[in-house]
């Protein structure tokens, strides 16, 4: 199998499990078919991503891949948006500069000043293409049982913010289902 490297504009989905928040996202938004809780976008030599610890940053490709190693398992999938032109790459690189250094959106209410990972990727793709590739959905912080996940109850209590249940937003697992994406590489190892 040939080695495939991402191109500018490729969207990189990950399953990571470094802390309780990562696990809560997996348990409330993903399925076995779509087990993703993080996403970034390739800019040529780095991934543009938003993380709670750093906000919106460029992360070296190797460092991005390294994050998805957990208990010997690794899962990163690279997707490409179908039917884009060279101007998409140019717009993306230009627009990325506006997002760099922005803070992480801890409350998950869209304010266009702070960004969680999938909000960042959705916004920059839609802006760079001039059309809505990624649409918002009604967010949920509930498990399959229909009850709010205990992590989110505690998280929003500490944040002194309401849980944005049902408010418009995005998540990596839902974005991955988008029909305009094609999988170009699946890096998966299991021990």
C-alpha atoms as a PDB file:
ATOM      1  CA  UNK A   1       0.000   0.000   0.000  1.00  0.00           C
ATOM      2  CA  UNK A   2       1.519   3.357  -0.983  1.00  0.00           C
ATOM      3  CA  UNK A   3       2.144   5.959   1.686  1.00  0.00           C
ATOM      4  CA  UNK A   4      -0.390   8.758   1.391  1.00  0.00           C
ATOM      5  CA  UNK A   5       0.392  12.210   2.674  1.00  0.00           C
ATOM      6  CA  UNK A   6      -2.308  14.786   3.234  1.00  0.00           C
ATOM      7  CA  UNK A   7      -2.805  17.739   0.896  1.00  0.00           C
ATOM      8  CA  UNK A   8      -3.781  21.261   1.894  1.00  0.00           C
ATOM      9  CA  UNK A   9      -7.438  21.144   2.901  1.00  0.00           C
ATOM     10  CA  UNK A  10      -7.531  17.485   3.874  1.00  0.00           C
ATOM     11  CA  UNK A  11      -9.514  16.895   7.041  1.00  0.00           C
ATOM     12  CA  UNK A  12      -7.937  14.659   9.656  1.00  0.00           C
ATOM     13  CA  UNK A  13     -10.211  12.841  12.099  1.00  0.00           C
ATOM     14  CA  UNK A  14      -8.916  11.184  15.251  1.00  0.00           C
ATOM     15  CA  UNK A  15      -9.993   8.966  18.080  1.00  0.00           C
ATOM     16  CA  UNK A  16      -8.094  10.172  21.118  1.00  0.00           C
ATOM     17  CA  UNK A  17      -8.543   9.342  24.751  1.00  0.00           C
ATOM     18  CA  UNK A  18      -6.195  11.432  26.832  1.00  0.00           C
ATOM     19  CA  UNK A  19      -8.632  12.621  29.472  1.00  0.00           C
ATOM     20  CA  UNK A  20     -12.207  12.514  30.739  1.00  0.00           C
ATOM     21  CA  UNK A  21     -13.387  15.120  28.226  1.00  0.00           C
ATOM     22  CA  UNK A  22     -12.129  13.031  25.294  1.00  0.00           C
ATOM     23  CA  UNK A  23     -13.978  10.011  26.658  1.00  0.00           C
ATOM     24  CA  UNK A  24     -17.186  11.987  27.295  1.00  0.00           C
ATOM     25  CA  UNK A  25     -17.141  13.275  23.705  1.00  0.00           C
ATOM     26  CA  UNK A  26     -16.717   9.722  22.420  1.00  0.00           C
ATOM     27  CA  UNK A  27     -19.524   8.448  24.660  1.00  0.00           C
ATOM     28  CA  UNK A  28     -22.022  11.142  23.647  1.00  0.00           C
ATOM     29  CA  UNK A  29     -21.325  11.803  19.956  1.00  0.00           C
ATOM     30  CA  UNK A  30     -19.648   8.820  18.337  1.00  0.00           C
ATOM     31  CA  UNK A  31     -20.552   5.281  17.364  1.00  0.00           C
ATOM     32  CA  UNK A  32     -18.446   2.234  16.529  1.00  0.00           C
ATOM     33  CA  UNK A  33     -18.769   3.201  12.853  1.00  0.00           C
ATOM     34  CA  UNK A  34     -17.741   6.814  13.516  1.00  0.00           C
ATOM     35  CA  UNK A  35     -15.518   6.761  16.624  1.00  0.00           C
ATOM     36  CA  UNK A  36     -14.041  10.252  16.283  1.00  0.00           C
ATOM     37  CA  UNK A  37     -13.746  12.977  18.897  1.00  0.00           C
ATOM     38  CA  UNK A  38     -11.112  15.271  17.380  1.00  0.00           C
ATOM     39  CA  UNK A  39     -10.558  16.880  13.993  1.00  0.00           C
ATOM     40  CA  UNK A  40      -8.087  19.226  12.342  1.00  0.00           C
ATOM     41  CA  UNK A  41      -7.316  20.435   8.835  1.00  0.00           C
ATOM     42  CA  UNK A  42      -4.048  20.077   6.944  1.00  0.00           C
ATOM     43  CA  UNK A  43      -2.329  23.300   5.860  1.00  0.00           C
ATOM     44  CA  UNK A  44       0.687  21.931   4.009  1.00  0.00           C
ATOM     45  CA  UNK A  45       3.207  21.283   6.739  1.00  0.00           C
ATOM     46  CA  UNK A  46       0.979  21.272   9.799  1.00  0.00           C
ATOM     47  CA  UNK A  47      -2.520  20.688  11.096  1.00  0.00           C
ATOM     48  CA  UNK A  48      -4.696  23.618  12.127  1.00  0.00           C
ATOM     49  CA  UNK A  49      -6.571  22.478  15.217  1.00  0.00           C
ATOM     50  CA  UNK A  50      -8.175  23.776  18.384  1.00  0.00           C
ATOM     51  CA  UNK A  51      -7.383  22.145  21.720  1.00  0.00           C
ATOM     52  CA  UNK A  52      -8.452  23.033  25.270  1.00  0.00           C
ATOM     53  CA  UNK A  53      -4.834  23.515  26.366  1.00  0.00           C
ATOM     54  CA  UNK A  54      -3.630  25.686  23.466  1.00  0.00           C
ATOM     55  CA  UNK A  55      -6.613  27.077  21.573  1.00  0.00           C
ATOM     56  CA  UNK A  56      -6.175  27.380  17.799  1.00  0.00           C
ATOM     57  CA  UNK A  57      -2.668  26.366  16.786  1.00  0.00           C
ATOM     58  CA  UNK A  58      -0.672  24.772  14.001  1.00  0.00           C
ATOM     59  CA  UNK A  59       0.594  21.359  15.052  1.00  0.00           C
ATOM     60  CA  UNK A  60       3.307  19.463  13.174  1.00  0.00           C
ATOM     61  CA  UNK A  61       1.867  16.473  11.281  1.00  0.00           C
ATOM     62  CA  UNK A  62       3.972  13.981  13.239  1.00  0.00           C
ATOM     63  CA  UNK A  63       2.865  15.481  16.565  1.00  0.00           C
ATOM     64  CA  UNK A  64      -0.763  15.371  15.474  1.00  0.00           C
ATOM     65  CA  UNK A  65      -0.484  11.675  14.620  1.00  0.00           C
ATOM     66  CA  UNK A  66       1.270  10.982  17.916  1.00  0.00           C
ATOM     67  CA  UNK A  67      -1.743  12.305  19.885  1.00  0.00           C
ATOM     68  CA  UNK A  68      -3.977   9.517  18.710  1.00  0.00           C
ATOM     69  CA  UNK A  69      -1.870   6.760  20.220  1.00  0.00           C
ATOM     70  CA  UNK A  70      -3.716   5.480  23.254  1.00  0.00           C
ATOM     71  CA  UNK A  71      -3.098   2.229  25.103  1.00  0.00           C
ATOM     72  CA  UNK A  72      -1.374   0.874  22.013  1.00  0.00           C
ATOM     73  CA  UNK A  73      -4.220   1.791  19.670  1.00  0.00           C
ATOM     74  CA  UNK A  74      -4.057   4.459  16.993  1.00  0.00           C
ATOM     75  CA  UNK A  75      -6.748   5.781  14.714  1.00  0.00           C
ATOM     76  CA  UNK A  76      -6.488   8.737  12.348  1.00  0.00           C
ATOM     77  CA  UNK A  77      -8.477   9.010   9.121  1.00  0.00           C
ATOM     78  CA  UNK A  78      -7.695  11.527   6.399  1.00  0.00           C
ATOM     79  CA  UNK A  79     -10.588  12.705   4.246  1.00  0.00           C
ATOM     80  CA  UNK A  80     -10.630  14.961   1.219  1.00  0.00           C
ATOM     81  CA  UNK A  81     -13.501  17.182   0.177  1.00  0.00           C
ATOM     82  CA  UNK A  82     -14.633  16.151  -3.298  1.00  0.00           C
ATOM     83  CA  UNK A  83     -14.548  18.601  -6.193  1.00  0.00           C
ATOM     84  CA  UNK A  84     -12.476  21.459  -4.793  1.00  0.00           C
ATOM     85  CA  UNK A  85     -10.205  23.704  -6.823  1.00  0.00           C
ATOM     86  CA  UNK A  86      -6.761  25.156  -6.182  1.00  0.00           C
ATOM     87  CA  UNK A  87      -8.434  28.356  -4.994  1.00  0.00           C
ATOM     88  CA  UNK A  88      -9.738  26.402  -1.973  1.00  0.00           C
ATOM     89  CA  UNK A  89      -6.169  25.761  -0.803  1.00  0.00           C
ATOM     90  CA  UNK A  90      -5.261  29.408  -1.297  1.00  0.00           C
ATOM     91  CA  UNK A  91      -8.353  30.667   0.563  1.00  0.00           C
ATOM     92  CA  UNK A  92      -7.806  28.140   3.340  1.00  0.00           C
ATOM     93  CA  UNK A  93      -4.223  29.247   3.958  1.00  0.00           C
ATOM     94  CA  UNK A  94      -5.286  32.902   3.881  1.00  0.00           C
ATOM     95  CA  UNK A  95      -8.207  32.336   6.263  1.00  0.00           C
ATOM     96  CA  UNK A  96      -6.151  30.198   8.662  1.00  0.00           C
ATOM     97  CA  UNK A  97      -4.215  33.297   9.714  1.00  0.00           C
ATOM     98  CA  UNK A  98      -7.424  34.835  11.108  1.00  0.00           C
ATOM     99  CA  UNK A  99      -8.039  31.842  13.357  1.00  0.00           C
ATOM    100  CA  UNK A 100      -4.522  31.249  14.717  1.00  0.00           C
ATOM    101  CA  UNK A 101      -4.195  32.245  18.362  1.00  0.00           C
ATOM    102  CA  UNK A 102      -7.936  32.214  19.064  1.00  0.00           C
ATOM    103  CA  UNK A 103      -8.970  30.649  22.365  1.00  0.00           C
ATOM    104  CA  UNK A 104     -10.751  27.327  22.800  1.00  0.00           C
ATOM    105  CA  UNK A 105     -14.551  27.461  23.075  1.00  0.00           C
ATOM    106  CA  UNK A 106     -15.097  25.753  26.427  1.00  0.00           C
ATOM    107  CA  UNK A 107     -18.847  26.491  26.586  1.00  0.00           C
ATOM    108  CA  UNK A 108     -19.600  25.126  23.070  1.00  0.00           C
ATOM    109  CA  UNK A 109     -21.887  28.092  22.320  1.00  0.00           C
ATOM    110  CA  UNK A 110     -20.798  29.601  18.999  1.00  0.00           C
ATOM    111  CA  UNK A 111     -19.548  33.165  19.421  1.00  0.00           C
ATOM    112  CA  UNK A 112     -17.130  33.300  16.435  1.00  0.00           C
ATOM    113  CA  UNK A 113     -14.377  34.436  18.812  1.00  0.00           C
ATOM    114  CA  UNK A 114     -13.489  31.077  20.369  1.00  0.00           C
ATOM    115  CA  UNK A 115     -13.513  27.667  18.706  1.00  0.00           C
ATOM    116  CA  UNK A 116     -13.731  23.990  19.623  1.00  0.00           C
ATOM    117  CA  UNK A 117     -12.097  21.609  17.135  1.00  0.00           C
ATOM    118  CA  UNK A 118     -15.005  20.732  14.845  1.00  0.00           C
ATOM    119  CA  UNK A 119     -16.369  24.289  14.970  1.00  0.00           C
ATOM    120  CA  UNK A 120     -12.986  25.560  13.724  1.00  0.00           C
ATOM    121  CA  UNK A 121     -12.783  23.079  10.852  1.00  0.00           C
ATOM    122  CA  UNK A 122     -16.418  23.583   9.860  1.00  0.00           C
ATOM    123  CA  UNK A 123     -16.136  27.373   9.893  1.00  0.00           C
ATOM    124  CA  UNK A 124     -12.862  27.586   7.974  1.00  0.00           C
ATOM    125  CA  UNK A 125     -13.958  25.066   5.321  1.00  0.00           C
ATOM    126  CA  UNK A 126     -17.323  26.757   4.790  1.00  0.00           C
ATOM    127  CA  UNK A 127     -15.682  30.199   4.646  1.00  0.00           C
ATOM    128  CA  UNK A 128     -12.896  29.094   2.300  1.00  0.00           C
ATOM    129  CA  UNK A 129     -15.266  27.346  -0.116  1.00  0.00           C
ATOM    130  CA  UNK A 130     -17.924  30.050   0.067  1.00  0.00           C
ATOM    131  CA  UNK A 131     -20.628  27.447   0.692  1.00  0.00           C
ATOM    132  CA  UNK A 132     -21.919  25.335   3.537  1.00  0.00           C
ATOM    133  CA  UNK A 133     -20.243  21.937   3.363  1.00  0.00           C
ATOM    134  CA  UNK A 134     -20.650  21.288   7.071  1.00  0.00           C
ATOM    135  CA  UNK A 135     -24.042  22.122   8.519  1.00  0.00           C
ATOM    136  CA  UNK A 136     -24.726  22.466  12.211  1.00  0.00           C
ATOM    137  CA  UNK A 137     -26.723  19.866  14.073  1.00  0.00           C
ATOM    138  CA  UNK A 138     -28.489  19.951  17.421  1.00  0.00           C
ATOM    139  CA  UNK A 139     -25.750  19.139  19.910  1.00  0.00           C
ATOM    140  CA  UNK A 140     -26.211  16.512  22.564  1.00  0.00           C
ATOM    141  CA  UNK A 141     -24.367  15.800  25.774  1.00  0.00           C
ATOM    142  CA  UNK A 142     -26.425  12.712  26.547  1.00  0.00           C
ATOM    143  CA  UNK A 143     -25.479   9.069  26.415  1.00  0.00           C
ATOM    144  CA  UNK A 144     -27.501   6.395  24.631  1.00  0.00           C
ATOM    145  CA  UNK A 145     -29.581   6.064  27.832  1.00  0.00           C
ATOM    146  CA  UNK A 146     -30.937   9.578  27.243  1.00  0.00           C
ATOM    147  CA  UNK A 147     -29.304  10.961  30.391  1.00  0.00           C
ATOM    148  CA  UNK A 148     -26.744  13.743  30.401  1.00  0.00           C
ATOM    149  CA  UNK A 149     -23.278  12.245  30.765  1.00  0.00           C
ATOM    150  CA  UNK A 150     -21.974  12.733  34.348  1.00  0.00           C
ATOM    151  CA  UNK A 151     -18.794  14.368  33.058  1.00  0.00           C
ATOM    152  CA  UNK A 152     -20.807  17.080  31.278  1.00  0.00           C
ATOM    153  CA  UNK A 153     -22.972  17.737  34.354  1.00  0.00           C
ATOM    154  CA  UNK A 154     -19.846  18.393  36.415  1.00  0.00           C
ATOM    155  CA  UNK A 155     -18.023  20.207  33.595  1.00  0.00           C
ATOM    156  CA  UNK A 156     -20.740  22.793  32.968  1.00  0.00           C
ATOM    157  CA  UNK A 157     -21.384  23.215  36.705  1.00  0.00           C
ATOM    158  CA  UNK A 158     -17.712  24.149  37.189  1.00  0.00           C
ATOM    159  CA  UNK A 159     -17.891  26.392  34.132  1.00  0.00           C
ATOM    160  CA  UNK A 160     -21.020  28.053  35.581  1.00  0.00           C
ATOM    161  CA  UNK A 161     -22.621  27.745  32.170  1.00  0.00           C
ATOM    162  CA  UNK A 162     -25.753  26.010  30.903  1.00  0.00           C
ATOM    163  CA  UNK A 163     -25.392  22.761  28.994  1.00  0.00           C
ATOM    164  CA  UNK A 164     -26.006  23.659  25.322  1.00  0.00           C
ATOM    165  CA  UNK A 165     -28.187  20.601  24.765  1.00  0.00           C
ATOM    166  CA  UNK A 166     -30.060  21.008  21.473  1.00  0.00           C
ATOM    167  CA  UNK A 167     -28.169  24.150  20.442  1.00  0.00           C
ATOM    168  CA  UNK A 168     -26.607  24.276  16.965  1.00  0.00           C
ATOM    169  CA  UNK A 169     -23.077  22.948  16.786  1.00  0.00           C
ATOM    170  CA  UNK A 170     -20.815  20.339  15.262  1.00  0.00           C
ATOM    171  CA  UNK A 171     -18.845  17.268  16.295  1.00  0.00           C
ATOM    172  CA  UNK A 172     -16.169  15.219  14.541  1.00  0.00           C
ATOM    173  CA  UNK A 173     -18.231  12.016  14.312  1.00  0.00           C
ATOM    174  CA  UNK A 174     -21.101  13.800  12.574  1.00  0.00           C
ATOM    175  CA  UNK A 175     -18.747  15.680  10.231  1.00  0.00           C
ATOM    176  CA  UNK A 176     -17.136  12.390   9.211  1.00  0.00           C
ATOM    177  CA  UNK A 177     -20.480  11.189   7.816  1.00  0.00           C
ATOM    178  CA  UNK A 178     -20.569  14.050   5.276  1.00  0.00           C
ATOM    179  CA  UNK A 179     -21.204  12.765   1.735  1.00  0.00           C
ATOM    180  CA  UNK A 180     -18.815  15.365   0.275  1.00  0.00           C
ATOM    181  CA  UNK A 181     -15.867  13.651   1.951  1.00  0.00           C
ATOM    182  CA  UNK A 182     -13.869  10.757   0.598  1.00  0.00           C
ATOM    183  CA  UNK A 183     -11.496   8.729   2.730  1.00  0.00           C
ATOM    184  CA  UNK A 184      -7.966   8.814   1.345  1.00  0.00           C
ATOM    185  CA  UNK A 185      -6.086   7.176   4.226  1.00  0.00           C
ATOM    186  CA  UNK A 186      -6.928   5.257   7.391  1.00  0.00           C
ATOM    187  CA  UNK A 187      -4.117   4.919   9.901  1.00  0.00           C
ATOM    188  CA  UNK A 188      -5.257   2.301  12.375  1.00  0.00           C
ATOM    189  CA  UNK A 189      -3.268   0.028  14.580  1.00  0.00           C
ATOM    190  CA  UNK A 190      -4.523  -2.109  17.392  1.00  0.00           C
ATOM    191  CA  UNK A 191      -2.531  -4.156  19.872  1.00  0.00           C
END
